[in-house]
Amino acid sequence: MELWQYVGAIAGFCMPLFNIPLIFRIVKRKSAGDLSLFWLFGVWTCILLMSPAALMSQDIAFRLFGWTNLIFFTVVVVVAAKYHKGQS
């Protein structure tokens, strides 16, 4: 593997880790009211539809990104759905 493939693989793995502060912020505030459920489920649906291609790809960066993005954004969806308060 070349240097840029290693860099891409590391970046592909690390990028979804930036969801962790969002998860902690939602839990700490006990609110996800500032997130649109339409946006949240729209992005998650796209991730789910893209995942088979990512997980079967020969490109290690895309495969690592696919796994970590699927895992961490699913956690975002679960936490946000738990703490989302409907508009009264």
N, C-alpha and C. Protein backbone atom coordinates (compact mmCIF):
# COMPACT_ATOMS: atom_id res chain seq x y z
N MET A 1 0.84 -1.18 0.00
CA MET A 1 0.00 0.00 0.00
C MET A 1 0.88 1.24 0.00
N GLU A 2 0.44 2.26 -0.73
CA GLU A 2 1.18 3.50 -0.78
C GLU A 2 0.81 4.40 0.39
N LEU A 3 1.63 5.42 0.60
CA LEU A 3 1.43 6.35 1.70
C LEU A 3 0.04 6.96 1.68
N TRP A 4 -0.43 7.40 0.50
CA TRP A 4 -1.73 8.07 0.43
C TRP A 4 -2.87 7.11 0.72
N GLN A 5 -2.67 5.84 0.47
CA GLN A 5 -3.70 4.86 0.83
C GLN A 5 -3.77 4.70 2.35
N TYR A 6 -2.62 4.72 3.02
CA TYR A 6 -2.62 4.68 4.49
C TYR A 6 -3.28 5.92 5.06
N VAL A 7 -2.92 7.08 4.52
CA VAL A 7 -3.51 8.34 5.00
C VAL A 7 -5.02 8.31 4.80
N GLY A 8 -5.46 7.87 3.63
CA GLY A 8 -6.89 7.78 3.35
C GLY A 8 -7.60 6.80 4.28
N ALA A 9 -6.96 5.68 4.56
CA ALA A 9 -7.56 4.68 5.45
C ALA A 9 -7.69 5.22 6.87
N ILE A 10 -6.68 5.91 7.34
CA ILE A 10 -6.73 6.50 8.68
C ILE A 10 -7.82 7.57 8.74
N ALA A 11 -7.87 8.43 7.72
CA ALA A 11 -8.89 9.47 7.68
C ALA A 11 -10.29 8.88 7.57
N GLY A 12 -10.44 7.83 6.76
CA GLY A 12 -11.73 7.17 6.62
C GLY A 12 -12.22 6.56 7.92
N PHE A 13 -11.30 6.05 8.70
CA PHE A 13 -11.66 5.49 10.00
C PHE A 13 -11.96 6.59 11.01
N CYS A 14 -11.17 7.67 10.99
CA CYS A 14 -11.28 8.72 12.02
C CYS A 14 -12.44 9.69 11.81
N MET A 15 -12.80 9.98 10.57
CA MET A 15 -13.83 11.00 10.33
C MET A 15 -15.13 10.75 11.10
N PRO A 16 -15.68 9.54 11.08
CA PRO A 16 -16.92 9.33 11.82
C PRO A 16 -16.76 9.45 13.35
N LEU A 17 -15.53 9.41 13.83
CA LEU A 17 -15.32 9.56 15.27
C LEU A 17 -15.72 10.95 15.77
N PHE A 18 -15.84 11.89 14.84
CA PHE A 18 -16.29 13.23 15.22
C PHE A 18 -17.76 13.26 15.61
N ASN A 19 -18.45 12.13 15.48
CA ASN A 19 -19.82 12.02 15.98
C ASN A 19 -19.84 11.88 17.51
N ILE A 20 -18.73 11.46 18.09
CA ILE A 20 -18.68 11.21 19.54
C ILE A 20 -18.99 12.48 20.35
N PRO A 21 -18.40 13.64 20.03
CA PRO A 21 -18.77 14.84 20.79
C PRO A 21 -20.27 15.18 20.67
N LEU A 22 -20.85 14.94 19.50
CA LEU A 22 -22.29 15.18 19.33
C LEU A 22 -23.09 14.26 20.24
N ILE A 23 -22.71 13.01 20.31
CA ILE A 23 -23.40 12.05 21.18
C ILE A 23 -23.31 12.50 22.63
N PHE A 24 -22.10 12.86 23.07
CA PHE A 24 -21.93 13.30 24.46
C PHE A 24 -22.70 14.58 24.75
N ARG A 25 -22.75 15.51 23.78
CA ARG A 25 -23.48 16.75 23.99
C ARG A 25 -24.97 16.49 24.15
N ILE A 26 -25.52 15.59 23.33
CA ILE A 26 -26.94 15.26 23.43
C ILE A 26 -27.25 14.63 24.79
N VAL A 27 -26.41 13.69 25.22
CA VAL A 27 -26.63 13.01 26.50
C VAL A 27 -26.48 14.00 27.65
N LYS A 28 -25.47 14.86 27.60
CA LYS A 28 -25.24 15.83 28.68
C LYS A 28 -26.41 16.79 28.82
N ARG A 29 -26.92 17.30 27.69
CA ARG A 29 -28.04 18.24 27.73
C ARG A 29 -29.38 17.54 27.87
N LYS A 30 -29.39 16.23 27.65
CA LYS A 30 -30.62 15.45 27.65
C LYS A 30 -31.64 16.02 26.66
N SER A 31 -31.11 16.50 25.53
CA SER A 31 -31.96 17.08 24.50
C SER A 31 -31.29 16.98 23.13
N ALA A 32 -32.11 16.63 22.15
CA ALA A 32 -31.66 16.65 20.77
C ALA A 32 -32.62 17.49 19.94
N GLY A 33 -33.29 18.42 20.61
CA GLY A 33 -34.29 19.24 19.95
C GLY A 33 -33.74 20.14 18.86
N ASP A 34 -32.44 20.40 18.88
CA ASP A 34 -31.84 21.25 17.85
C ASP A 34 -31.50 20.46 16.58
N LEU A 35 -31.73 19.15 16.59
CA LEU A 35 -31.50 18.33 15.40
C LEU A 35 -32.84 18.02 14.74
N SER A 36 -32.88 18.18 13.45
CA SER A 36 -34.08 17.85 12.69
C SER A 36 -34.15 16.34 12.52
N LEU A 37 -35.28 15.75 12.90
CA LEU A 37 -35.43 14.31 12.72
C LEU A 37 -35.48 13.96 11.24
N PHE A 38 -36.02 14.85 10.41
CA PHE A 38 -36.04 14.63 8.97
C PHE A 38 -34.61 14.53 8.44
N TRP A 39 -33.74 15.45 8.86
CA TRP A 39 -32.33 15.42 8.45
C TRP A 39 -31.65 14.17 8.99
N LEU A 40 -31.86 13.88 10.27
CA LEU A 40 -31.22 12.76 10.94
C LEU A 40 -31.53 11.43 10.23
N PHE A 41 -32.81 11.18 10.00
CA PHE A 41 -33.20 9.92 9.37
C PHE A 41 -32.88 9.92 7.87
N GLY A 42 -32.85 11.09 7.24
CA GLY A 42 -32.44 11.18 5.84
C GLY A 42 -30.99 10.78 5.66
N VAL A 43 -30.13 11.33 6.50
CA VAL A 43 -28.70 11.00 6.43
C VAL A 43 -28.49 9.52 6.76
N TRP A 44 -29.16 9.04 7.78
CA TRP A 44 -29.01 7.65 8.20
C TRP A 44 -29.47 6.69 7.09
N THR A 45 -30.57 7.02 6.42
CA THR A 45 -31.05 6.20 5.31
C THR A 45 -30.01 6.13 4.20
N CYS A 46 -29.42 7.27 3.88
CA CYS A 46 -28.38 7.29 2.84
C CYS A 46 -27.17 6.45 3.26
N ILE A 47 -26.80 6.54 4.53
CA ILE A 47 -25.68 5.73 5.04
C ILE A 47 -26.02 4.25 4.93
N LEU A 48 -27.23 3.87 5.31
CA LEU A 48 -27.64 2.47 5.22
C LEU A 48 -27.63 1.97 3.78
N LEU A 49 -28.09 2.82 2.85
CA LEU A 49 -28.12 2.42 1.44
C LEU A 49 -26.72 2.35 0.83
N MET A 50 -25.81 3.17 1.34
CA MET A 50 -24.44 3.20 0.82
C MET A 50 -23.58 2.10 1.45
N SER A 51 -23.95 1.63 2.61
CA SER A 51 -23.13 0.68 3.37
C SER A 51 -22.77 -0.61 2.64
N PRO A 52 -23.68 -1.26 1.95
CA PRO A 52 -23.27 -2.49 1.26
C PRO A 52 -22.11 -2.27 0.29
N ALA A 53 -22.16 -1.17 -0.46
CA ALA A 53 -21.07 -0.88 -1.40
C ALA A 53 -19.78 -0.61 -0.64
N ALA A 54 -19.89 0.12 0.46
CA ALA A 54 -18.69 0.44 1.24
C ALA A 54 -18.10 -0.82 1.87
N LEU A 55 -18.94 -1.66 2.41
CA LEU A 55 -18.45 -2.84 3.13
C LEU A 55 -17.87 -3.90 2.20
N MET A 56 -18.28 -3.91 0.93
CA MET A 56 -17.77 -4.89 -0.03
C MET A 56 -16.64 -4.32 -0.90
N SER A 57 -16.34 -3.05 -0.72
CA SER A 57 -15.34 -2.39 -1.55
C SER A 57 -13.94 -2.95 -1.31
N GLN A 58 -13.13 -2.94 -2.36
CA GLN A 58 -11.72 -3.31 -2.23
C GLN A 58 -10.90 -2.16 -1.67
N ASP A 59 -11.45 -0.94 -1.71
CA ASP A 59 -10.76 0.25 -1.20
C ASP A 59 -10.84 0.26 0.32
N ILE A 60 -9.70 0.11 0.97
CA ILE A 60 -9.66 0.02 2.43
C ILE A 60 -10.16 1.29 3.10
N ALA A 61 -9.89 2.46 2.53
CA ALA A 61 -10.35 3.72 3.12
C ALA A 61 -11.87 3.78 3.11
N PHE A 62 -12.48 3.42 1.99
CA PHE A 62 -13.93 3.44 1.87
C PHE A 62 -14.56 2.40 2.79
N ARG A 63 -13.93 1.24 2.90
CA ARG A 63 -14.45 0.17 3.76
C ARG A 63 -14.38 0.58 5.24
N LEU A 64 -13.25 1.14 5.67
CA LEU A 64 -13.14 1.59 7.06
C LEU A 64 -14.12 2.71 7.36
N PHE A 65 -14.24 3.66 6.41
CA PHE A 65 -15.21 4.74 6.60
C PHE A 65 -16.62 4.16 6.69
N GLY A 66 -16.95 3.20 5.83
CA GLY A 66 -18.28 2.60 5.84
C GLY A 66 -18.63 1.97 7.18
N TRP A 67 -17.70 1.19 7.72
CA TRP A 67 -17.94 0.55 9.03
C TRP A 67 -18.09 1.56 10.15
N THR A 68 -17.11 2.47 10.28
CA THR A 68 -17.17 3.41 11.40
C THR A 68 -18.33 4.38 11.26
N ASN A 69 -18.63 4.80 10.04
CA ASN A 69 -19.75 5.72 9.84
C ASN A 69 -21.08 5.04 10.18
N LEU A 70 -21.23 3.80 9.75
CA LEU A 70 -22.44 3.05 10.06
C LEU A 70 -22.62 2.90 11.56
N ILE A 71 -21.57 2.54 12.25
CA ILE A 71 -21.65 2.32 13.70
C ILE A 71 -21.94 3.63 14.45
N PHE A 72 -21.11 4.64 14.21
CA PHE A 72 -21.25 5.86 15.00
C PHE A 72 -22.47 6.69 14.64
N PHE A 73 -22.87 6.72 13.37
CA PHE A 73 -24.08 7.49 13.06
C PHE A 73 -25.32 6.75 13.54
N THR A 74 -25.28 5.42 13.59
CA THR A 74 -26.39 4.68 14.18
C THR A 74 -26.52 5.02 15.66
N VAL A 75 -25.41 5.16 16.35
CA VAL A 75 -25.45 5.58 17.76
C VAL A 75 -26.04 7.00 17.87
N VAL A 76 -25.65 7.89 16.97
CA VAL A 76 -26.22 9.24 16.96
C VAL A 76 -27.74 9.16 16.80
N VAL A 77 -28.21 8.35 15.87
CA VAL A 77 -29.65 8.23 15.63
C VAL A 77 -30.37 7.71 16.87
N VAL A 78 -29.82 6.67 17.49
CA VAL A 78 -30.46 6.09 18.68
C VAL A 78 -30.51 7.11 19.81
N VAL A 79 -29.40 7.77 20.08
CA VAL A 79 -29.33 8.75 21.18
C VAL A 79 -30.23 9.95 20.87
N ALA A 80 -30.18 10.45 19.66
CA ALA A 80 -31.00 11.62 19.30
C ALA A 80 -32.48 11.28 19.35
N ALA A 81 -32.86 10.10 18.88
CA ALA A 81 -34.27 9.71 18.94
C ALA A 81 -34.73 9.57 20.39
N LYS A 82 -33.86 9.08 21.24
CA LYS A 82 -34.20 8.94 22.67
C LYS A 82 -34.42 10.29 23.33
N TYR A 83 -33.57 11.27 22.99
CA TYR A 83 -33.61 12.56 23.67
C TYR A 83 -34.34 13.65 22.89
N HIS A 84 -34.91 13.32 21.73
CA HIS A 84 -35.62 14.33 20.95
C HIS A 84 -37.00 14.55 21.56
N LYS A 85 -37.29 15.81 21.81
CA LYS A 85 -38.59 16.15 22.36
C LYS A 85 -39.43 16.73 21.24
N GLY A 86 -40.63 16.20 21.07
CA GLY A 86 -41.51 16.72 20.03
C GLY A 86 -41.90 18.15 20.34
N GLN A 87 -42.18 18.92 19.29
CA GLN A 87 -42.56 20.31 19.50
C GLN A 87 -43.97 20.37 20.04
N SER A 88 -44.14 21.08 21.14
CA SER A 88 -45.45 21.16 21.79
C SER A 88 -46.17 22.42 21.39
